[in-house]
Amino acid sequence: MVIVDAVLETYDADGFTAWPIAQPSNDRLLALSGLLSPAEVGTAMAVIFSYNGIPVTHATNLTGAHLEQHLAEAEGLIAPGGLRFRDNTTGVTIAPGCCFGLENWRDWWDVIGGQEPWLGHDPTPHITHLGNVIQLRQHDGDSSSIEITRGELASLLATARQHLTDFLNLARQWATATTPALADGLISALDQYLLITMTE
């Protein structure tokens, strides 16, 4: 059985002290969902703030102006990570490539249409179309692969979107309690720039 996770790389949370965060996992990937603890949501938000260069020393110091200034200058939010595919039967995992952020997760829909979009590098996810079957490899030339049909990929992407939507709901609760002055703007920006609830 193949499963998908929308994951964040957590390296940018190292040394973060503005609010409580969770201990990182060994692979430094945090799977976003509606099952995260408050500390894990704090880790995700720490990554978002640090990776986007939004300065924060303490949660109570943050105002909507901090976020508005960043969005005006950077024209968006980005997040290190992406989609991770795992075959529970074979143990094969396809991790997101570097420089292909979570904000690009919807590019996977192009794969269903027969395209082979750039999915990052080092590792470099590689796609091969074999009729209705899509073969995923972590690197071109790897012997290990995950094979799914186009219909299965569509279902997996719908699952990823649901995970992100559930995370967004948790993030709203977290922001209301932790950064109330910018909660509405922060959640709106996450939804907009990570392309979570938008319809095609």
Protein backbone atom coordinates (compact mmCIF):
# COMPACT_ATOMS: atom_id res chain seq x y z
CA MET A 1 0.00 0.00 0.00
CA VAL A 2 1.35 3.42 -0.99
CA ILE A 3 0.79 6.36 1.34
CA VAL A 4 1.63 10.02 0.98
CA ASP A 5 2.63 12.67 3.51
CA ALA A 6 2.98 16.41 3.10
CA VAL A 7 6.25 17.03 4.95
CA LEU A 8 8.29 19.97 6.17
CA GLU A 9 12.05 19.87 6.61
CA THR A 10 12.70 21.00 10.18
CA TYR A 11 16.33 22.14 10.04
CA ASP A 12 15.28 25.79 10.20
CA ALA A 13 13.69 25.22 13.61
CA ASP A 14 17.09 24.54 15.21
CA GLY A 15 17.69 26.95 18.07
CA PHE A 16 14.23 28.49 17.80
CA THR A 17 13.02 29.80 21.18
CA ALA A 18 10.11 32.16 20.51
CA TRP A 19 7.56 29.45 21.39
CA PRO A 20 7.62 25.75 22.31
CA ILE A 21 8.65 23.33 19.57
CA ALA A 22 9.00 19.55 19.39
CA GLN A 23 12.17 17.50 19.22
CA PRO A 24 13.03 16.78 15.56
CA SER A 25 12.69 13.30 14.11
CA ASN A 26 15.78 11.47 12.90
CA ASP A 27 15.01 12.25 9.25
CA ARG A 28 14.21 15.89 10.09
CA LEU A 29 10.87 15.63 8.26
CA LEU A 30 7.59 16.58 9.93
CA ALA A 31 4.45 15.11 8.36
CA LEU A 32 1.69 17.71 8.46
CA SER A 33 -1.79 16.55 9.44
CA GLY A 34 -4.57 17.12 11.92
CA LEU A 35 -2.86 14.78 14.39
CA LEU A 36 0.06 17.02 15.35
CA SER A 37 0.67 18.05 18.94
CA PRO A 38 0.77 21.79 19.78
CA ALA A 39 4.57 21.56 19.99
CA GLU A 40 4.74 19.96 16.54
CA VAL A 41 2.55 22.72 15.12
CA GLY A 42 4.95 25.13 16.82
CA THR A 43 7.83 23.43 15.00
CA ALA A 44 6.06 23.83 11.66
CA MET A 45 5.42 27.50 12.33
CA ALA A 46 9.01 28.01 13.49
CA VAL A 47 10.18 26.60 10.16
CA ILE A 48 7.83 28.90 8.24
CA PHE A 49 9.03 31.99 10.09
CA SER A 50 12.74 31.10 10.02
CA TYR A 51 12.87 29.87 6.42
CA ASN A 52 11.11 33.00 5.20
CA GLY A 53 13.35 35.29 7.21
CA ILE A 54 10.56 36.75 9.34
CA PRO A 55 12.30 37.95 12.53
CA VAL A 56 10.75 36.85 15.81
CA THR A 57 12.20 36.86 19.31
CA HIS A 58 8.99 36.21 21.22
CA ALA A 59 5.48 35.36 20.10
CA THR A 60 3.96 38.30 21.98
CA ASN A 61 6.10 40.73 19.97
CA LEU A 62 4.56 39.70 16.66
CA THR A 63 1.96 41.88 15.01
CA GLY A 64 0.16 41.77 11.71
CA ALA A 65 2.60 44.40 10.44
CA HIS A 66 5.50 41.92 10.63
CA LEU A 67 3.74 39.53 8.28
CA GLU A 68 2.39 42.24 6.01
CA GLN A 69 5.87 43.71 5.58
CA HIS A 70 7.32 40.33 4.66
CA LEU A 71 4.55 39.55 2.18
CA ALA A 72 4.98 42.96 0.58
CA GLU A 73 8.72 42.43 0.18
CA ALA A 74 8.89 38.71 -0.63
CA GLU A 75 5.50 38.39 -2.34
CA GLY A 76 4.69 35.13 -0.63
CA LEU A 77 5.61 32.34 1.76
CA ILE A 78 7.63 29.26 0.91
CA ALA A 79 8.24 26.08 2.89
CA PRO A 80 11.06 23.51 2.63
CA GLY A 81 9.65 20.06 2.04
CA GLY A 82 7.09 18.55 -0.28
CA LEU A 83 5.33 15.24 -0.76
CA ARG A 84 6.81 11.98 0.50
CA PHE A 85 5.57 8.69 -0.97
CA ARG A 86 6.04 5.41 0.90
CA ASP A 87 5.23 1.85 -0.10
CA ASN A 88 4.46 0.00 3.12
CA THR A 89 4.79 -3.35 1.36
CA THR A 90 8.28 -2.91 -0.10
CA GLY A 91 9.61 -0.26 2.26
CA VAL A 92 10.58 2.04 -0.62
CA THR A 93 10.37 5.76 0.16
CA ILE A 94 10.50 8.66 -2.28
CA ALA A 95 11.43 11.82 -0.38
CA PRO A 96 10.89 15.35 -1.71
CA GLY A 97 13.75 16.86 -3.66
CA CYS A 98 15.69 19.90 -2.52
CA CYS A 99 14.49 23.32 -3.74
CA PHE A 100 11.08 21.93 -4.65
CA GLY A 101 9.13 23.34 -1.73
CA LEU A 102 5.81 22.41 -0.25
CA GLU A 103 4.33 25.42 -2.04
CA ASN A 104 4.83 23.45 -5.29
CA TRP A 105 3.01 20.30 -4.18
CA ARG A 106 0.23 20.77 -6.74
CA ASP A 107 2.76 20.29 -9.57
CA TRP A 108 2.28 16.57 -8.92
CA TRP A 109 -1.11 16.89 -10.65
CA ASP A 110 0.80 17.44 -13.90
CA VAL A 111 2.19 13.91 -13.54
CA ILE A 112 -1.33 12.50 -13.86
CA GLY A 113 -1.59 14.26 -17.22
CA GLY A 114 1.53 12.49 -18.49
CA GLN A 115 4.06 15.22 -17.78
CA GLU A 116 7.39 14.89 -15.98
CA PRO A 117 7.75 18.14 -14.01
CA TRP A 118 10.97 19.10 -12.26
CA LEU A 119 10.67 17.83 -8.70
CA GLY A 120 13.86 19.11 -7.13
CA HIS A 121 17.38 17.76 -6.76
CA ASP A 122 19.66 15.87 -4.37
CA PRO A 123 17.58 13.71 -3.99
CA THR A 124 16.06 13.98 -7.46
CA PRO A 125 12.71 12.20 -7.72
CA HIS A 126 12.45 10.60 -11.16
CA ILE A 127 9.22 9.76 -12.98
CA THR A 128 8.67 7.19 -15.72
CA HIS A 129 5.32 6.79 -17.46
CA LEU A 130 4.47 3.20 -18.42
CA GLY A 131 1.02 3.47 -19.93
CA ASN A 132 -1.40 4.07 -17.06
CA VAL A 133 1.30 3.26 -14.51
CA ILE A 134 3.61 5.86 -12.99
CA GLN A 135 6.97 4.66 -11.74
CA LEU A 136 8.66 6.79 -9.07
CA ARG A 137 12.35 6.52 -8.21
CA GLN A 138 14.37 8.55 -5.73
CA HIS A 139 17.16 8.92 -8.29
CA ASP A 140 17.34 8.17 -12.01
CA GLY A 141 18.77 4.68 -12.33
CA ASP A 142 17.70 3.43 -8.89
CA SER A 143 16.56 -0.18 -8.91
CA SER A 144 13.96 0.44 -6.19
CA SER A 145 10.75 2.14 -7.26
CA ILE A 146 7.14 2.78 -6.36
CA GLU A 147 4.52 2.01 -8.99
CA ILE A 148 1.06 3.56 -8.90
CA THR A 149 -1.66 4.15 -11.45
CA ARG A 150 -2.76 7.62 -12.44
CA GLY A 151 -6.00 7.07 -10.56
CA GLU A 152 -4.09 6.05 -7.44
CA LEU A 153 -1.92 9.17 -7.67
CA ALA A 154 -5.05 11.33 -7.92
CA SER A 155 -6.38 9.72 -4.74
CA LEU A 156 -3.04 10.22 -2.99
CA LEU A 157 -2.98 13.90 -3.93
CA ALA A 158 -6.50 14.32 -2.59
CA THR A 159 -5.27 12.73 0.64
CA ALA A 160 -2.31 15.13 0.78
CA ARG A 161 -4.67 18.06 0.36
CA GLN A 162 -6.83 16.78 3.21
CA HIS A 163 -3.76 16.42 5.44
CA LEU A 164 -2.80 20.02 4.65
CA THR A 165 -6.35 21.24 5.28
CA ASP A 166 -6.41 19.47 8.64
CA PHE A 167 -3.03 20.99 9.49
CA LEU A 168 -4.32 24.44 8.55
CA ASN A 169 -7.19 24.02 11.00
CA LEU A 170 -4.73 23.06 13.75
CA ALA A 171 -2.50 25.98 12.82
CA ARG A 172 -5.46 28.34 13.19
CA GLN A 173 -6.04 27.10 16.74
CA TRP A 174 -2.33 27.38 17.49
CA ALA A 175 -2.04 30.90 16.06
CA THR A 176 -5.13 32.13 17.90
CA ALA A 177 -3.54 31.03 21.17
CA THR A 178 0.12 31.83 20.43
CA THR A 179 0.24 34.74 17.96
CA PRO A 180 -3.26 36.24 18.23
CA ALA A 181 -2.29 39.60 16.72
CA LEU A 182 -1.55 38.02 13.35
CA ALA A 183 -3.56 34.79 13.48
CA ASP A 184 -6.04 35.61 10.72
CA GLY A 185 -3.41 37.02 8.36
CA LEU A 186 -1.01 34.15 9.00
CA ILE A 187 -3.55 31.42 8.30
CA SER A 188 -4.81 33.24 5.22
CA ALA A 189 -1.24 33.54 3.91
CA LEU A 190 -0.48 29.87 4.57
CA ASP A 191 -3.62 28.85 2.74
CA GLN A 192 -2.92 31.16 -0.18
CA TYR A 193 0.76 30.49 -0.74
CA LEU A 194 0.79 26.76 0.05
CA LEU A 195 -2.24 26.37 -2.26
CA ILE A 196 -4.19 24.33 0.26
CA THR A 197 -7.93 24.97 -0.12
CA MET A 198 -7.93 26.65 -3.52
CA THR A 199 -9.98 24.92 -6.20
CA GLU A 200 -8.73 24.28 -9.71
